[in-house]
Protein backbone atom coordinates (compact mmCIF):
# COMPACT_ATOMS: atom_id res chain seq x y z
CA MET A 1 52.67 138.35 38.60
CA LYS A 2 50.70 137.12 41.70
CA ILE A 3 51.28 133.82 41.50
CA LYS A 4 55.14 134.11 40.66
CA ILE A 5 55.14 135.84 44.16
CA GLU A 6 53.51 133.56 46.25
CA LYS A 7 55.74 130.41 44.64
CA THR A 8 58.84 132.74 45.56
CA ASP A 9 57.54 133.33 49.14
CA GLN A 10 56.98 130.13 49.76
CA THR A 11 60.41 128.99 48.14
CA ASN A 12 62.15 131.56 50.72
CA HIS A 13 59.99 129.98 53.34
CA LEU A 14 61.05 126.69 52.53
CA SER A 15 64.94 127.79 52.70
CA ASN A 16 65.02 129.12 55.64
CA ASN A 17 63.00 126.47 57.67
CA SER A 18 66.02 124.33 55.72
CA ALA A 19 69.20 126.80 56.97
CA ARG A 20 67.55 126.58 60.85
CA TYR A 21 67.47 122.77 60.72
CA ILE A 22 71.11 122.58 59.59
CA CYS A 23 71.80 125.12 61.93
CA GLY A 24 70.46 123.06 64.81
CA ILE A 25 71.74 119.69 63.59
CA LEU A 26 75.43 121.51 63.73
CA ARG A 27 74.92 122.87 66.72
CA LEU A 28 73.91 119.73 68.19
CA ALA A 29 76.72 117.36 66.71
CA THR A 30 78.91 120.39 68.06
CA PHE A 31 77.74 119.97 71.51
CA VAL A 32 78.06 116.25 71.22
CA VAL A 33 81.49 116.65 69.96
CA PHE A 34 82.60 118.88 72.74
CA LEU A 35 80.85 116.63 75.26
CA PHE A 36 82.73 113.52 74.15
CA LEU A 37 86.12 115.50 74.06
CA TYR A 38 85.54 116.67 77.36
CA VAL A 39 84.66 113.44 79.02
CA PHE A 40 87.64 111.82 77.12
CA CYS A 41 90.08 114.78 78.11
CA SER A 42 88.61 113.93 81.99
CA ASN A 43 89.00 110.72 81.96
CA PHE A 44 92.36 110.99 80.45
CA LEU A 45 93.62 113.51 83.07
CA TYR A 46 91.95 112.02 85.94
CA ALA A 47 91.86 108.97 85.40
CA ILE A 48 92.03 106.10 88.49
CA ASN A 49 95.78 105.04 89.26
CA THR A 50 95.60 102.13 91.63
CA THR A 51 99.24 100.77 93.28
CA SER A 52 100.62 99.43 96.36
CA TYR A 53 103.70 99.83 98.22
CA LYS A 54 105.07 98.36 100.98
CA TYR A 55 105.29 100.57 104.09
CA GLY A 56 105.58 98.94 107.94
CA GLY A 57 105.25 95.68 107.31
CA VAL A 58 101.68 96.11 105.47
CA ASN A 59 100.81 96.06 101.91
CA ILE A 60 99.70 99.76 101.54
CA ARG A 61 97.20 99.76 98.61
CA ASN A 62 97.15 103.56 97.04
CA VAL A 63 94.38 104.56 94.65
CA VAL A 64 94.64 108.09 92.95
CA ASP A 65 91.29 109.94 91.22
CA LYS A 66 91.51 113.34 90.00
CA GLY A 67 94.50 113.80 91.66
CA ILE A 68 93.56 113.07 95.31
CA SER A 69 95.30 109.99 96.88
CA TYR A 70 93.45 107.32 98.95
CA LEU A 71 94.84 104.54 101.13
CA ALA A 72 92.87 101.36 101.94
CA ILE A 73 91.56 101.15 105.52
CA GLU A 74 92.02 97.63 105.62
CA ASP A 75 95.70 98.28 105.34
CA MET A 76 95.58 101.50 107.73
CA LYS A 77 93.77 98.96 110.54
CA GLN A 78 96.70 96.73 110.26
CA LEU A 79 99.51 99.44 110.59
CA PHE A 80 98.02 101.60 113.19
CA ASP A 81 95.70 99.18 115.31
CA LEU A 82 92.71 100.59 114.31
CA LYS A 83 88.79 99.06 115.35
CA VAL A 84 86.83 99.23 112.09
CA LYS A 85 82.85 99.21 111.61
CA TYR A 86 81.11 99.73 108.42
CA PHE A 87 77.14 100.24 108.14
CA PRO A 88 76.48 99.78 104.32
CA PHE A 89 72.77 101.09 104.84
CA THR A 90 74.08 104.16 106.17
CA LYS A 91 77.22 104.28 104.15
CA ILE A 92 78.77 105.68 108.03
CA LEU A 93 81.94 104.32 108.54
CA ALA A 94 83.23 103.96 112.13
CA VAL A 95 87.30 104.56 112.91
CA THR A 96 88.46 103.92 116.53
CA LYS A 97 92.26 105.21 117.15
CA ASP A 98 92.91 104.68 120.79
CA SER A 99 90.07 106.62 122.31
CA THR A 100 89.14 108.70 119.72
CA VAL A 101 86.12 107.68 117.59
CA PHE A 102 86.36 109.40 113.84
CA LYS A 103 82.68 108.70 112.60
CA PHE A 104 82.45 109.46 108.19
CA VAL A 105 79.78 109.46 105.63
CA VAL A 106 81.41 107.92 102.02
CA ASN A 107 81.29 110.69 99.87
CA THR A 108 80.45 113.25 102.23
CA LYS A 109 82.97 115.52 103.32
CA THR A 110 82.58 116.11 106.97
CA VAL A 111 83.62 113.58 109.76
CA PHE A 112 82.37 113.62 113.63
CA ILE A 113 85.45 113.62 115.95
CA ASN A 114 84.39 112.33 119.32
CA SER A 115 80.58 113.58 118.73
CA GLU A 116 81.73 117.28 117.42
CA LEU A 117 81.01 117.48 113.30
CA THR A 118 83.85 118.75 111.35
CA ALA A 119 84.73 119.25 107.68
CA ILE A 120 87.06 117.86 105.87
CA ASN A 121 88.68 118.42 102.29
CA ALA A 122 87.93 114.97 100.79
CA ALA A 123 85.58 112.35 101.39
CA PRO A 124 85.92 108.27 101.75
CA ARG A 125 85.62 107.14 98.98
CA ILE A 126 84.41 103.27 97.97
CA PHE A 127 86.96 101.45 95.17
CA GLU A 128 86.32 98.31 93.71
CA GLY A 129 84.47 97.26 97.25
CA GLU A 130 86.96 98.53 99.17
CA LEU A 131 86.86 101.36 101.71
CA TYR A 132 89.66 104.18 100.97
CA LEU A 133 90.45 107.35 103.51
CA PRO A 134 92.23 110.34 102.10
CA LEU A 135 95.88 110.50 102.57
CA LYS A 136 95.58 114.21 103.46
CA PHE A 137 93.16 113.37 105.53
CA LEU A 138 95.35 111.21 107.76
CA LYS A 139 98.44 113.65 107.21
CA ILE A 140 96.11 117.39 108.56
CA HIS A 141 93.63 115.35 111.19
CA TRP A 142 96.37 112.46 112.48
CA LEU A 143 99.48 114.48 112.00
CA ALA A 144 98.92 117.44 113.16
CA ILE A 145 101.73 119.82 114.16
CA ASP A 146 101.00 123.47 114.87
CA LYS A 147 97.92 125.29 115.59
CA LYS A 148 97.13 126.33 112.01
CA GLU A 149 97.43 122.92 111.05
CA ILE A 150 94.30 121.79 113.68
CA ASN A 151 92.10 124.68 113.21
CA GLU A 152 90.08 122.25 112.09
CA ILE A 153 89.91 119.90 114.63
CA PRO A 154 87.95 121.45 117.83
CA VAL A 155 90.26 121.61 120.49
CA LYS A 156 89.43 121.23 124.43
CA SER A 157 90.50 124.22 126.52
CA ASP A 158 92.17 122.11 128.84
CA THR A 159 94.14 120.23 126.56
CA SER A 160 97.38 121.13 125.66
CA ILE A 161 98.82 121.08 121.85
CA ASP A 162 101.49 118.04 123.10
CA GLN A 163 98.62 116.30 124.25
CA GLN A 164 96.78 116.72 120.98
CA ILE A 165 99.32 115.50 118.76
CA ARG A 166 100.19 112.46 120.86
CA GLU A 167 97.57 110.83 118.67
CA LEU A 168 99.34 108.54 116.50
CA SER A 169 102.31 106.48 118.21
CA PHE A 170 105.84 105.65 115.96
CA GLN A 171 105.04 102.08 116.48
CA ASP A 172 102.96 99.72 118.39
CA ASN A 173 103.79 100.37 122.31
CA HIS A 174 100.65 99.10 123.69
CA PHE A 175 101.90 95.74 124.82
CA SER A 176 100.02 92.74 126.69
CA SER A 177 102.89 89.76 127.71
CA THR A 178 105.91 90.81 129.50
CA GLU A 179 105.10 93.33 132.75
CA SER A 180 108.20 95.57 133.22
CA LYS A 181 109.23 96.60 137.08
CA THR A 182 107.63 100.41 136.01
CA GLY A 183 103.84 98.26 135.52
CA TYR A 184 103.83 98.74 131.45
CA LYS A 185 103.04 95.59 129.64
CA THR A 186 105.10 94.73 126.08
CA ASN A 187 104.53 91.84 123.94
CA ARG A 188 108.01 92.46 123.17
CA GLU A 189 110.72 94.18 123.98
CA ILE A 190 111.28 98.00 123.18
CA VAL A 191 114.71 98.38 121.19
CA ILE A 192 116.75 101.32 122.26
CA ILE A 193 119.95 102.45 120.26
CA LEU A 194 122.37 104.10 122.36
CA ASP A 195 125.06 106.06 120.81
CA ALA A 196 128.05 107.51 122.54
CA GLY A 197 129.03 110.63 120.04
CA HIS A 198 132.44 110.88 118.49
CA GLY A 199 134.80 107.93 119.57
CA GLY A 200 138.29 106.77 118.94
CA LYS A 201 140.17 109.43 116.32
CA ASP A 202 137.58 111.81 116.78
CA PRO A 203 137.51 113.22 120.41
CA GLY A 204 134.87 115.42 120.30
CA THR A 205 135.49 118.74 122.08
CA VAL A 206 138.73 118.98 124.07
CA PHE A 207 139.34 121.21 127.15
CA LYS A 208 143.15 120.92 128.44
CA LYS A 209 143.26 116.33 129.14
CA ILE A 210 139.08 116.32 129.33
CA TYR A 211 137.73 114.96 126.33
CA GLU A 212 133.89 114.99 125.24
CA LYS A 213 134.29 111.16 124.22
CA HIS A 214 135.21 109.13 127.08
CA ILE A 215 132.46 111.21 128.91
CA ASN A 216 129.50 110.13 126.40
CA LEU A 217 130.62 106.41 126.32
CA LYS A 218 130.32 106.72 130.63
CA ILE A 219 126.86 108.24 130.67
CA THR A 220 125.40 105.98 127.54
CA LYS A 221 126.89 102.98 129.84
CA LYS A 222 125.40 104.25 132.79
CA LEU A 223 121.94 104.70 130.75
CA LYS A 224 122.39 100.95 129.35
CA GLN A 225 122.38 99.71 132.90
CA TYR A 226 118.96 101.55 133.99
CA PHE A 227 117.37 99.89 130.76
CA SER A 228 118.71 96.50 131.14
CA ASP A 229 117.46 96.42 134.54
CA ASP A 230 114.02 96.53 133.19
CA ALA A 231 112.28 93.91 131.36
CA GLY A 232 110.55 95.89 129.04
CA PHE A 233 113.65 97.54 127.28
CA LYS A 234 116.36 95.66 125.19
CA VAL A 235 119.82 98.16 124.68
CA ILE A 236 122.19 97.80 121.85
CA MET A 237 125.15 100.26 121.86
CA VAL A 238 126.27 101.92 118.94
CA ARG A 239 129.87 101.47 120.49
CA ASN A 240 131.21 99.77 123.75
CA ASN A 241 135.01 101.37 123.55
CA ASP A 242 137.07 103.81 122.26
CA LYS A 243 136.59 103.08 118.33
CA PHE A 244 135.76 105.45 115.80
CA ILE A 245 132.43 105.06 113.75
CA ASN A 246 131.22 107.38 111.13
CA LEU A 247 127.92 109.18 110.81
CA ASP A 248 126.79 106.75 108.11
CA GLU A 249 127.52 103.67 109.89
CA ARG A 250 125.46 105.25 113.07
CA THR A 251 122.38 105.20 111.64
CA PHE A 252 122.94 101.90 109.49
CA PHE A 253 123.51 100.45 112.78
CA ALA A 254 120.58 101.69 114.32
CA ASN A 255 118.38 101.15 111.20
CA SER A 256 119.22 97.35 110.70
CA ASN A 257 118.74 96.77 114.10
CA HIS A 258 115.06 98.14 114.19
CA GLY A 259 115.41 100.03 116.87
CA ASP A 260 112.38 101.92 118.34
CA LEU A 261 113.74 105.14 119.72
CA PHE A 262 117.48 106.55 118.91
CA ILE A 263 119.39 108.40 121.76
CA SER A 264 122.70 109.90 120.94
CA ILE A 265 124.73 111.35 123.98
CA HIS A 266 127.69 114.29 123.53
CA ILE A 267 128.82 117.58 125.62
CA ASN A 268 128.53 120.98 124.18
CA ALA A 269 130.90 123.58 124.16
CA SER A 270 130.85 127.29 123.50
CA PHE A 271 133.47 130.54 122.75
CA SER A 272 131.78 132.10 125.96
CA ASN A 273 132.58 130.31 129.59
CA LYS A 274 129.37 131.16 130.47
CA SER A 275 127.22 128.71 128.61
CA LYS A 276 126.48 126.03 130.41
CA GLY A 277 123.36 123.54 130.89
CA ILE A 278 121.49 120.68 129.08
CA GLU A 279 120.18 120.38 125.48
CA ILE A 280 117.83 118.32 123.34
CA PHE A 281 118.10 118.07 120.04
CA ILE A 282 115.07 116.78 117.71
CA PRO A 283 115.11 116.02 114.06
CA THR A 284 113.78 118.53 111.97
CA ARG A 285 111.28 118.48 108.81
CA THR A 286 113.08 118.95 105.57
CA GLU A 287 110.20 118.21 103.32
CA LYS A 288 106.72 119.82 103.16
CA ASP A 289 104.46 120.55 105.82
CA VAL A 290 101.54 118.03 106.97
CA GLY A 291 98.91 117.99 104.57
CA ASN A 292 100.39 120.68 102.36
CA ILE A 293 99.79 119.83 98.65
CA SER A 294 100.45 122.07 96.16
CA LYS A 295 98.08 122.88 93.44
CA LYS A 296 100.12 121.62 90.51
CA GLU A 297 99.83 118.15 92.07
CA MET A 298 95.98 118.00 92.02
CA GLY A 299 94.67 116.60 89.08
CA LYS A 300 97.50 115.28 87.16
CA VAL A 301 97.86 111.68 87.26
CA ALA A 302 101.18 111.12 86.41
CA LYS A 303 102.40 113.88 89.07
CA ALA A 304 100.15 112.08 91.69
CA LYS A 305 101.97 108.94 90.72
CA GLN A 306 105.37 110.49 91.49
CA ASN A 307 104.21 112.33 94.83
CA ILE A 308 103.13 109.42 96.36
CA GLU A 309 106.10 107.50 97.67
CA ALA A 310 107.06 110.87 98.47
CA ASP A 311 103.73 111.67 100.17
CA ILE A 312 104.23 107.88 102.24
CA ARG A 313 107.61 109.17 103.11
CA ASP A 314 106.99 112.63 104.27
CA LEU A 315 104.25 110.43 106.35
CA LYS A 316 106.59 108.56 108.31
CA GLN A 317 108.95 111.46 108.26
CA ASP A 318 106.16 113.62 109.99
CA ILE A 319 105.16 110.76 112.46
CA ILE A 320 109.27 110.56 113.63
CA TYR A 321 109.39 114.18 114.10
CA ILE A 322 106.19 114.04 116.31
CA GLU A 323 107.23 111.39 118.39
CA SER A 324 110.57 112.40 118.76
CA LYS A 325 109.10 116.00 120.12
CA ASN A 326 107.33 113.82 122.40
CA LEU A 327 110.31 111.77 123.67
CA ALA A 328 112.16 114.93 124.30
CA VAL A 329 109.37 116.75 126.14
CA THR A 330 109.18 113.78 128.43
CA VAL A 331 113.33 113.53 129.33
CA LYS A 332 113.27 117.28 129.93
CA ASP A 333 110.53 116.64 132.16
CA SER A 334 112.31 114.29 133.96
CA ILE A 335 115.18 116.53 133.87
CA VAL A 336 113.45 119.62 135.01
CA ASN A 337 111.27 118.40 137.82
CA SER A 338 114.38 116.94 139.80
CA ASP A 339 116.69 118.63 141.13
CA ILE A 340 120.19 117.01 139.10
CA GLY A 341 122.32 120.52 139.92
CA MET A 342 122.57 120.92 136.16
CA ASP A 343 120.44 123.74 134.40
CA PHE A 344 118.12 122.74 131.30
CA ARG A 345 118.12 124.99 128.20
CA SER A 346 115.68 124.02 125.95
CA ILE A 347 114.59 121.84 123.07
CA LYS A 348 115.84 122.53 119.75
CA LYS A 349 114.80 121.25 116.27
CA SER A 350 118.14 120.70 114.25
CA ARG A 351 119.85 118.93 110.74
CA PHE A 352 122.50 116.80 112.41
CA CYS A 353 123.69 114.42 110.33
CA ILE A 354 123.12 112.02 112.33
CA PHE A 355 119.41 112.55 112.17
CA SER A 356 119.00 112.66 108.16
CA ASN A 357 118.86 109.03 107.63
CA ILE A 358 117.38 107.90 110.96
CA ASP A 359 114.36 105.28 110.58
CA MET A 360 113.01 106.21 114.05
CA PRO A 361 112.13 108.63 116.57
CA SER A 362 115.57 110.05 117.79
CA ILE A 363 116.86 112.61 120.56
CA LEU A 364 120.40 114.05 120.66
CA LEU A 365 121.25 115.38 124.19
CA GLU A 366 124.30 117.68 124.74
CA VAL A 367 124.84 117.11 128.23
CA GLY A 368 126.11 120.55 129.63
CA PHE A 369 129.26 122.44 128.87
CA ILE A 370 132.90 121.06 129.00
CA THR A 371 133.98 125.09 128.17
CA CYS A 372 132.06 125.78 131.63
CA LYS A 373 133.88 125.08 134.52
CA SER A 374 130.98 124.32 136.89
CA ASP A 375 129.69 122.05 134.11
CA ARG A 376 132.85 119.94 133.84
CA GLU A 377 133.38 120.10 137.53
CA TYR A 378 129.33 118.46 138.00
CA LEU A 379 130.57 115.96 135.06
CA ASN A 380 133.88 114.86 136.93
CA SER A 381 131.84 113.01 139.41
CA ASP A 382 130.35 109.63 138.97
CA GLU A 383 127.49 110.19 141.20
CA ASN A 384 126.13 113.06 139.03
CA ILE A 385 126.96 110.44 135.78
CA ASP A 386 124.38 108.43 137.46
CA LEU A 387 121.98 110.90 138.06
CA ILE A 388 121.82 112.24 134.75
CA ALA A 389 121.66 108.44 133.24
CA LYS A 390 118.90 107.98 135.71
CA LYS A 391 116.40 110.96 134.90
CA ILE A 392 117.38 109.98 131.25
CA PHE A 393 116.13 106.93 131.51
CA HIS A 394 112.94 107.97 133.71
CA GLY A 395 112.16 110.06 130.90
CA VAL A 396 111.90 107.43 128.22
CA ARG A 397 109.72 105.19 130.33
CA ASN A 398 107.40 107.58 130.94
CA TYR A 399 107.19 108.24 127.30
CA TYR A 400 106.04 104.74 127.08
CA GLU A 401 103.85 104.95 130.02
CA ASN A 402 102.10 107.93 128.86
CA GLN A 403 101.31 105.95 125.14
């Protein structure tokens, strides 16, 4: 009996060892299969996708990795006239834009902005030997609009928000060959599209025998004279006479003539005869705010591929919004800082149809109220029309001088 019992114990011991061995193999196999599936699914969901887009005459290469969009720094260099230096040993990337120096470390989510350290949401990367910057960095740090959107950027106490957002110009307006009478230099003429509102069968606002369309054309023609007298500008009029042009034709005309600025002149009206003064309207952003990328977009290649073109369009619209605002501020300052005899009301954002498809910084001026007696009498004077045109011109000129 003893021998039998010993054999049974030995058999059970061997059986337990075999079971433990088999369980270990199964666990290892399960882990390997899980790891394989994880890597496979990760690669499927977060595959690197490379595309390119034409923007501003530059072929911009875009890489989407793990739902984050990156743009080639070499292409950004051409588009925004950047100075770029890369030091491979330390992986430091130095980018100079105007007077601002950005120093990145590749694969690190920090940047020195004029020697002040700031955290960023995505790091610069290298794909196939090329340096790429995250699109979100461009949107948040180069195109900040409001205080809440620049809370990651060190703000000097003596620097206004308007000065902060003037970091990125809409086009390359720092020129070198032709010098205008005002002292700034250009390597090409700045194309100004002047739009006299209404016309032909569309009279605009009417008060007795006073027609808005005629006053608009008067101011616009006088404005053209001031721009034409300056060597730095080329003026193109949407209409030179009393003819009707619909809004789609106006925006198509402006875009096809590759304007740098679009200025539309109108006269206001109100049910109250007490409403008076000048207002400036600028385009409002209708798409998502700068740098606002939804969680659903992150981590899905298909979604990112669909959104990258929209992101680039948003980037362009953000630039148009910023520069329209800057232009409106300088024109407002020119009017307010001189006693022209007419009140200035405000700068407002608007979704006017004329702004909907325009591809350049734009402002629409409502020069007084036809329903206000003092404004009507003011606009009936050729001397006052000349003064208004001169101050608008000075504002536009100052906008370029401050670039």
